[in-house]
PDB file of N, CA and C in Angstrom:
ATOM      1  N   MET A   1       0.728  -1.132   0.036  1.00  0.00           N
ATOM      2  CA  MET A   1      -0.129   0.128  -0.069  1.00  0.00           C
ATOM      3  C   MET A   1       0.962   1.040  -0.194  1.00  0.00           C
ATOM      4  N   GLY A   2       0.439   2.082  -1.081  1.00  0.00           N
ATOM      5  CA  GLY A   2       1.758   3.073  -1.035  1.00  0.00           C
ATOM      6  C   GLY A   2       1.039   4.486  -0.152  1.00  0.00           C
ATOM      7  N   PRO A   3       1.695   5.792  -0.345  1.00  0.00           N
ATOM      8  CA  PRO A   3       1.334   6.692   0.525  1.00  0.00           C
ATOM      9  C   PRO A   3      -0.296   7.331   0.509  1.00  0.00           C
ATOM     10  N   ASP A   4      -0.589   7.358  -1.023  1.00  0.00           N
ATOM     11  CA  ASP A   4      -2.304   7.929  -0.756  1.00  0.00           C
ATOM     12  C   ASP A   4      -2.914   6.991  -0.326  1.00  0.00           C
ATOM     13  N   ALA A   5      -2.872   5.462  -0.838  1.00  0.00           N
ATOM     14  CA  ALA A   5      -3.937   4.725  -0.117  1.00  0.00           C
ATOM     15  C   ALA A   5      -3.985   4.268   1.581  1.00  0.00           C
ATOM     16  N   ALA A   6      -2.135   4.849   1.879  1.00  0.00           N
ATOM     17  CA  ALA A   6      -2.170   4.764   3.390  1.00  0.00           C
ATOM     18  C   ALA A   6      -2.961   6.042   4.380  1.00  0.00           C
ATOM     19  N   LEU A   7      -3.103   7.108   3.592  1.00  0.00           N
ATOM     20  CA  LEU A   7      -3.493   8.050   4.307  1.00  0.00           C
ATOM     21  C   LEU A   7      -5.122   8.182   4.012  1.00  0.00           C
ATOM     22  N   LYS A   8      -5.596   7.292   3.041  1.00  0.00           N
ATOM     23  CA  LYS A   8      -6.828   7.092   3.023  1.00  0.00           C
ATOM     24  C   LYS A   8      -7.463   6.215   3.875  1.00  0.00           C
ATOM     25  N   LEU A   9      -6.521   5.277   4.430  1.00  0.00           N
ATOM     26  CA  LEU A   9      -6.969   4.455   5.528  1.00  0.00           C
ATOM     27  C   LEU A   9      -6.842   5.411   6.685  1.00  0.00           C
ATOM     28  N   ALA A  10      -5.946   6.232   7.002  1.00  0.00           N
ATOM     29  CA  ALA A  10      -5.958   6.996   8.099  1.00  0.00           C
ATOM     30  C   ALA A  10      -7.334   7.656   8.003  1.00  0.00           C
ATOM     31  N   GLN A  11      -7.926   8.351   7.183  1.00  0.00           N
ATOM     32  CA  GLN A  11      -8.941   9.350   6.928  1.00  0.00           C
ATOM     33  C   GLN A  11     -10.041   8.238   7.619  1.00  0.00           C
ATOM     34  N   ASP A  12     -10.052   6.755   8.084  1.00  0.00           N
ATOM     35  CA  ASP A  12     -10.795   5.718   8.660  1.00  0.00           C
ATOM     36  C   ASP A  12     -11.368   5.647  10.148  1.00  0.00           C
ATOM     37  N   VAL A  13      -9.926   6.157  10.667  1.00  0.00           N
ATOM     38  CA  VAL A  13      -9.834   5.616  12.125  1.00  0.00           C
ATOM     39  C   VAL A  13      -9.864   7.492  13.035  1.00  0.00           C
ATOM     40  N   SER A  14      -9.997   7.028  14.402  1.00  0.00           N
ATOM     41  CA  SER A  14      -9.871   8.063  15.138  1.00  0.00           C
ATOM     42  C   SER A  14      -8.356   8.503  15.728  1.00  0.00           C
ATOM     43  N   GLU A  15      -7.820   7.469  15.720  1.00  0.00           N
ATOM     44  CA  GLU A  15      -6.272   7.505  16.453  1.00  0.00           C
ATOM     45  C   GLU A  15      -5.107   6.178  15.700  1.00  0.00           C
ATOM     46  N   ILE A  16      -4.024   6.859  15.736  1.00  0.00           N
ATOM     47  CA  ILE A  16      -2.869   6.001  14.923  1.00  0.00           C
ATOM     48  C   ILE A  16      -1.819   5.966  15.972  1.00  0.00           C
ATOM     49  N   ILE A  17      -1.350   4.389  16.382  1.00  0.00           N
ATOM     50  CA  ILE A  17      -0.419   4.147  17.259  1.00  0.00           C
ATOM     51  C   ILE A  17       0.610   3.644  16.423  1.00  0.00           C
ATOM     52  N   ALA A  18       1.683   4.492  16.084  1.00  0.00           N
ATOM     53  CA  ALA A  18       2.906   3.892  15.577  1.00  0.00           C
ATOM     54  C   ALA A  18       4.370   3.378  16.446  1.00  0.00           C
ATOM     55  N   ALA A  19       4.953   2.747  16.446  1.00  0.00           N
ATOM     56  CA  ALA A  19       5.893   1.999  17.171  1.00  0.00           C
ATOM     57  C   ALA A  19       6.955   2.251  15.862  1.00  0.00           C
ATOM     58  N   LYS A  20       8.036   2.733  16.558  1.00  0.00           N
ATOM     59  CA  LYS A  20       9.359   3.171  16.074  1.00  0.00           C
ATOM     60  C   LYS A  20      10.507   3.022  16.467  1.00  0.00           C
ATOM     61  N   GLY A  21      11.021   1.531  16.642  1.00  0.00           N
ATOM     62  CA  GLY A  21      12.023   1.204  17.381  1.00  0.00           C
ATOM     63  C   GLY A  21      11.291   0.895  19.026  1.00  0.00           C
ATOM     64  N   LYS A  22      12.093   1.608  19.689  1.00  0.00           N
ATOM     65  CA  LYS A  22      11.135   1.643  21.166  1.00  0.00           C
ATOM     66  C   LYS A  22      10.464   2.547  21.455  1.00  0.00           C
ATOM     67  N   LYS A  23      10.270   3.883  20.503  1.00  0.00           N
ATOM     68  CA  LYS A  23       9.545   5.098  20.707  1.00  0.00           C
ATOM     69  C   LYS A  23       7.968   4.579  20.010  1.00  0.00           C
ATOM     70  N   VAL A  24       6.946   5.119  20.529  1.00  0.00           N
ATOM     71  CA  VAL A  24       5.692   4.930  20.264  1.00  0.00           C
ATOM     72  C   VAL A  24       5.160   6.222  20.115  1.00  0.00           C
ATOM     73  N   VAL A  25       4.659   6.700  18.842  1.00  0.00           N
ATOM     74  CA  VAL A  25       3.716   7.568  18.663  1.00  0.00           C
ATOM     75  C   VAL A  25       2.425   7.760  18.654  1.00  0.00           C
ATOM     76  N   ARG A  26       1.321   8.357  19.009  1.00  0.00           N
ATOM     77  CA  ARG A  26       0.192   8.379  18.968  1.00  0.00           C
ATOM     78  C   ARG A  26      -0.369   9.606  18.474  1.00  0.00           C
ATOM     79  N   PHE A  27      -1.342   9.507  17.362  1.00  0.00           N
ATOM     80  CA  PHE A  27      -1.808  10.800  16.877  1.00  0.00           C
ATOM     81  C   PHE A  27      -3.353  10.589  17.110  1.00  0.00           C
ATOM     82  N   ARG A  28      -4.097  11.312  18.144  1.00  0.00           N
ATOM     83  CA  ARG A  28      -5.840  11.591  17.980  1.00  0.00           C
ATOM     84  C   ARG A  28      -6.081  12.424  16.861  1.00  0.00           C
ATOM     85  N   LEU A  29      -6.417  11.770  15.744  1.00  0.00           N
ATOM     86  CA  LEU A  29      -6.643  12.581  14.222  1.00  0.00           C
ATOM     87  C   LEU A  29      -7.677  13.570  14.530  1.00  0.00           C
ATOM     88  N   ASP A  30      -8.819  13.565  15.705  1.00  0.00           N
ATOM     89  CA  ASP A  30      -9.804  14.507  15.726  1.00  0.00           C
ATOM     90  C   ASP A  30      -9.135  15.606  16.658  1.00  0.00           C
ATOM     91  N   LYS A  31      -8.038  15.236  17.369  1.00  0.00           N
ATOM     92  CA  LYS A  31      -7.517  16.454  18.380  1.00  0.00           C
ATOM     93  C   LYS A  31      -5.990  17.045  17.838  1.00  0.00           C
ATOM     94  N   ASP A  32      -4.995  16.179  17.337  1.00  0.00           N
ATOM     95  CA  ASP A  32      -4.060  16.680  17.164  1.00  0.00           C
ATOM     96  C   ASP A  32      -3.643  17.196  15.650  1.00  0.00           C
ATOM     97  N   LYS A  33      -4.759  16.917  14.630  1.00  0.00           N
ATOM     98  CA  LYS A  33      -4.597  17.223  13.604  1.00  0.00           C
ATOM     99  C   LYS A  33      -3.217  17.438  12.888  1.00  0.00           C
ATOM    100  N   PRO A  34      -2.618  16.276  12.714  1.00  0.00           N
ATOM    101  CA  PRO A  34      -1.447  15.757  12.433  1.00  0.00           C
ATOM    102  C   PRO A  34      -1.407  16.497  10.772  1.00  0.00           C
ATOM    103  N   SER A  35      -0.187  16.730  10.126  1.00  0.00           N
ATOM    104  CA  SER A  35       0.068  16.922   8.705  1.00  0.00           C
ATOM    105  C   SER A  35       0.075  15.764   8.121  1.00  0.00           C
ATOM    106  N   ARG A  36       0.284  16.095   6.905  1.00  0.00           N
ATOM    107  CA  ARG A  36       0.511  14.772   6.126  1.00  0.00           C
ATOM    108  C   ARG A  36       1.944  14.248   6.075  1.00  0.00           C
ATOM    109  N   GLU A  37       2.631  14.877   6.068  1.00  0.00           N
ATOM    110  CA  GLU A  37       4.016  14.623   6.215  1.00  0.00           C
ATOM    111  C   GLU A  37       4.307  13.907   7.481  1.00  0.00           C
ATOM    112  N   ASP A  38       3.938  14.598   8.684  1.00  0.00           N
ATOM    113  CA  ASP A  38       3.805  13.556  10.042  1.00  0.00           C
ATOM    114  C   ASP A  38       3.233  12.292  10.000  1.00  0.00           C
ATOM    115  N   LEU A  39       2.058  12.204   9.254  1.00  0.00           N
ATOM    116  CA  LEU A  39       1.366  10.870   9.191  1.00  0.00           C
ATOM    117  C   LEU A  39       2.270   9.852   8.382  1.00  0.00           C
ATOM    118  N   LEU A  40       2.501  10.539   7.440  1.00  0.00           N
ATOM    119  CA  LEU A  40       3.536   9.604   6.439  1.00  0.00           C
ATOM    120  C   LEU A  40       4.899   9.261   7.129  1.00  0.00           C
ATOM    121  N   ALA A  41       5.348  10.016   7.963  1.00  0.00           N
ATOM    122  CA  ALA A  41       6.718   9.747   8.749  1.00  0.00           C
ATOM    123  C   ALA A  41       6.551   8.325   9.296  1.00  0.00           C
ATOM    124  N   VAL A  42       5.166   8.133   9.996  1.00  0.00           N
ATOM    125  CA  VAL A  42       5.450   7.256  10.970  1.00  0.00           C
ATOM    126  C   VAL A  42       4.577   5.975   9.913  1.00  0.00           C
ATOM    127  N   MET A  43       3.947   6.340   9.061  1.00  0.00           N
ATOM    128  CA  MET A  43       2.844   5.552   8.339  1.00  0.00           C
ATOM    129  C   MET A  43       3.989   4.747   7.108  1.00  0.00           C
ATOM    130  N   ILE A  44       4.650   5.075   6.546  1.00  0.00           N
ATOM    131  CA  ILE A  44       5.712   4.822   5.109  1.00  0.00           C
ATOM    132  C   ILE A  44       6.925   4.302   5.826  1.00  0.00           C
ATOM    133  N   GLY A  45       7.132   3.053   5.442  1.00  0.00           N
ATOM    134  CA  GLY A  45       8.711   2.715   5.617  1.00  0.00           C
ATOM    135  C   GLY A  45       9.806   2.562   4.623  1.00  0.00           C
ATOM    136  N   PRO A  46      10.935   2.283   4.834  1.00  0.00           N
ATOM    137  CA  PRO A  46      11.820   2.756   3.556  1.00  0.00           C
ATOM    138  C   PRO A  46      11.548   2.081   2.105  1.00  0.00           C
ATOM    139  N   SER A  47      10.501   1.219   2.105  1.00  0.00           N
ATOM    140  CA  SER A  47      10.318   0.647   1.077  1.00  0.00           C
ATOM    141  C   SER A  47       9.286   1.560   0.055  1.00  0.00           C
ATOM    142  N   GLY A  48       8.856   2.516   0.910  1.00  0.00           N
ATOM    143  CA  GLY A  48       7.821   3.477   0.295  1.00  0.00           C
ATOM    144  C   GLY A  48       6.287   3.117   0.108  1.00  0.00           C
ATOM    145  N   ASN A  49       6.370   2.071   1.265  1.00  0.00           N
ATOM    146  CA  ASN A  49       5.187   1.109   1.249  1.00  0.00           C
ATOM    147  C   ASN A  49       4.429   1.585   2.706  1.00  0.00           C
ATOM    148  N   LEU A  50       3.239   1.422   3.184  1.00  0.00           N
ATOM    149  CA  LEU A  50       2.754   0.933   4.375  1.00  0.00           C
ATOM    150  C   LEU A  50       3.900   0.137   5.294  1.00  0.00           C
ATOM    151  N   ARG A  51       3.981   0.870   6.397  1.00  0.00           N
ATOM    152  CA  ARG A  51       4.845  -0.183   7.377  1.00  0.00           C
ATOM    153  C   ARG A  51       4.145  -1.269   7.907  1.00  0.00           C
ATOM    154  N   ALA A  52       4.934  -2.481   8.183  1.00  0.00           N
ATOM    155  CA  ALA A  52       4.239  -3.846   8.866  1.00  0.00           C
ATOM    156  C   ALA A  52       4.990  -3.923  10.301  1.00  0.00           C
ATOM    157  N   PRO A  53       3.974  -4.626  10.702  1.00  0.00           N
ATOM    158  CA  PRO A  53       2.759  -4.867  10.930  1.00  0.00           C
ATOM    159  C   PRO A  53       1.727  -3.631  10.794  1.00  0.00           C
ATOM    160  N   THR A  54       0.756  -3.878  10.384  1.00  0.00           N
ATOM    161  CA  THR A  54      -0.226  -2.761  10.350  1.00  0.00           C
ATOM    162  C   THR A  54      -1.659  -3.292  10.643  1.00  0.00           C
ATOM    163  N   VAL A  55      -2.261  -3.234  11.825  1.00  0.00           N
ATOM    164  CA  VAL A  55      -3.443  -3.599  12.368  1.00  0.00           C
ATOM    165  C   VAL A  55      -4.719  -2.489  12.329  1.00  0.00           C
ATOM    166  N   ARG A  56      -5.792  -2.825  11.818  1.00  0.00           N
ATOM    167  CA  ARG A  56      -6.469  -1.740  12.330  1.00  0.00           C
ATOM    168  C   ARG A  56      -7.761  -2.721  13.074  1.00  0.00           C
ATOM    169  N   LYS A  57      -8.400  -2.137  14.158  1.00  0.00           N
ATOM    170  CA  LYS A  57      -9.059  -2.376  15.396  1.00  0.00           C
ATOM    171  C   LYS A  57     -10.298  -1.333  15.535  1.00  0.00           C
ATOM    172  N   GLY A  58     -11.363  -1.263  15.008  1.00  0.00           N
ATOM    173  CA  GLY A  58     -12.181  -0.507  15.177  1.00  0.00           C
ATOM    174  C   GLY A  58     -11.679   1.015  14.708  1.00  0.00           C
ATOM    175  N   LYS A  59     -11.999   1.662  15.288  1.00  0.00           N
ATOM    176  CA  LYS A  59     -11.171   3.118  15.062  1.00  0.00           C
ATOM    177  C   LYS A  59      -9.738   3.568  15.335  1.00  0.00           C
ATOM    178  N   LYS A  60      -9.188   2.339  15.574  1.00  0.00           N
ATOM    179  CA  LYS A  60      -7.292   2.594  15.956  1.00  0.00           C
ATOM    180  C   LYS A  60      -6.773   1.540  14.850  1.00  0.00           C
ATOM    181  N   LEU A  61      -5.584   2.260  14.508  1.00  0.00           N
ATOM    182  CA  LEU A  61      -4.692   1.620  13.680  1.00  0.00           C
ATOM    183  C   LEU A  61      -3.414   1.634  14.448  1.00  0.00           C
ATOM    184  N   LEU A  62      -2.856   0.598  14.328  1.00  0.00           N
ATOM    185  CA  LEU A  62      -1.373   0.154  14.924  1.00  0.00           C
ATOM    186  C   LEU A  62      -0.298   0.046  13.700  1.00  0.00           C
ATOM    187  N   ILE A  63       0.620   0.692  13.751  1.00  0.00           N
ATOM    188  CA  ILE A  63       1.614   0.443  12.851  1.00  0.00           C
ATOM    189  C   ILE A  63       3.016   0.109  13.196  1.00  0.00           C
ATOM    190  N   GLY A  64       3.604  -1.052  12.877  1.00  0.00           N
ATOM    191  CA  GLY A  64       4.536  -1.199  13.343  1.00  0.00           C
ATOM    192  C   GLY A  64       4.554  -2.448  14.720  1.00  0.00           C
ATOM    193  N   TYR A  65       5.826  -2.614  15.385  1.00  0.00           N
ATOM    194  CA  TYR A  65       5.105  -3.510  16.617  1.00  0.00           C
ATOM    195  C   TYR A  65       5.652  -3.067  17.767  1.00  0.00           C
ATOM    196  N   GLU A  66       4.926  -3.069  19.099  1.00  0.00           N
ATOM    197  CA  GLU A  66       5.579  -2.954  20.361  1.00  0.00           C
ATOM    198  C   GLU A  66       4.485  -3.459  21.310  1.00  0.00           C
ATOM    199  N   PRO A  67       4.991  -4.610  21.964  1.00  0.00           N
ATOM    200  CA  PRO A  67       3.956  -5.305  22.696  1.00  0.00           C
ATOM    201  C   PRO A  67       2.920  -4.482  23.504  1.00  0.00           C
ATOM    202  N   GLY A  68       3.303  -3.461  24.395  1.00  0.00           N
ATOM    203  CA  GLY A  68       2.641  -2.854  24.867  1.00  0.00           C
ATOM    204  C   GLY A  68       1.177  -2.180  24.343  1.00  0.00           C
ATOM    205  N   ALA A  69       1.652  -1.467  23.151  1.00  0.00           N
ATOM    206  CA  ALA A  69       0.416  -0.915  22.383  1.00  0.00           C
ATOM    207  C   ALA A  69      -0.165  -2.259  21.904  1.00  0.00           C
ATOM    208  N   TYR A  70      -0.290  -3.197  21.292  1.00  0.00           N
ATOM    209  CA  TYR A  70      -0.777  -4.555  20.978  1.00  0.00           C
ATOM    210  C   TYR A  70      -1.658  -4.778  22.172  1.00  0.00           C
ATOM    211  N   GLU A  71      -0.854  -5.048  23.276  1.00  0.00           N
ATOM    212  CA  GLU A  71      -2.115  -5.678  24.431  1.00  0.00           C
ATOM    213  C   GLU A  71      -2.883  -4.291  24.697  1.00  0.00           C
ATOM    214  N   GLU A  72      -2.668  -2.987  24.745  1.00  0.00           N
ATOM    215  CA  GLU A  72      -3.665  -2.280  25.054  1.00  0.00           C
ATOM    216  C   GLU A  72      -5.018  -2.553  24.084  1.00  0.00           C
ATOM    217  N   VAL A  73      -4.243  -2.462  22.689  1.00  0.00           N
ATOM    218  CA  VAL A  73      -5.633  -2.449  21.644  1.00  0.00           C
ATOM    219  C   VAL A  73      -6.199  -3.765  21.325  1.00  0.00           C
ATOM    220  N   LEU A  74      -5.444  -4.542  21.419  1.00  0.00           N
ATOM    221  CA  LEU A  74      -5.895  -6.152  21.126  1.00  0.00           C
ATOM    222  C   LEU A  74      -6.283  -6.999  22.501  1.00  0.00           C
ATOM    223  N   GLY A  75      -5.677  -6.419  23.431  1.00  0.00           N
ATOM    224  CA  GLY A  75      -6.039  -7.229  24.869  1.00  0.00           C
ATOM    225  C   GLY A  75      -7.107  -7.853  24.873  1.00  0.00           C
TER     226      GLY A  75
END
């Protein structure tokens, strides 16, 4: 999934939780109003495609892997 499709996916959720290394970045899309560049920075990997793993549950989108975030959302 390329950048345009990834941003479309982001339009259907209210929160994005993205793990990059040991850091977890959260965007509450209704409150934070992140820029396109900020969203793409956490959503798109070096290949130019949506980072894996990516999981959507309800209105939350998990990108990357961080055990605590997965437990929180999928627990």
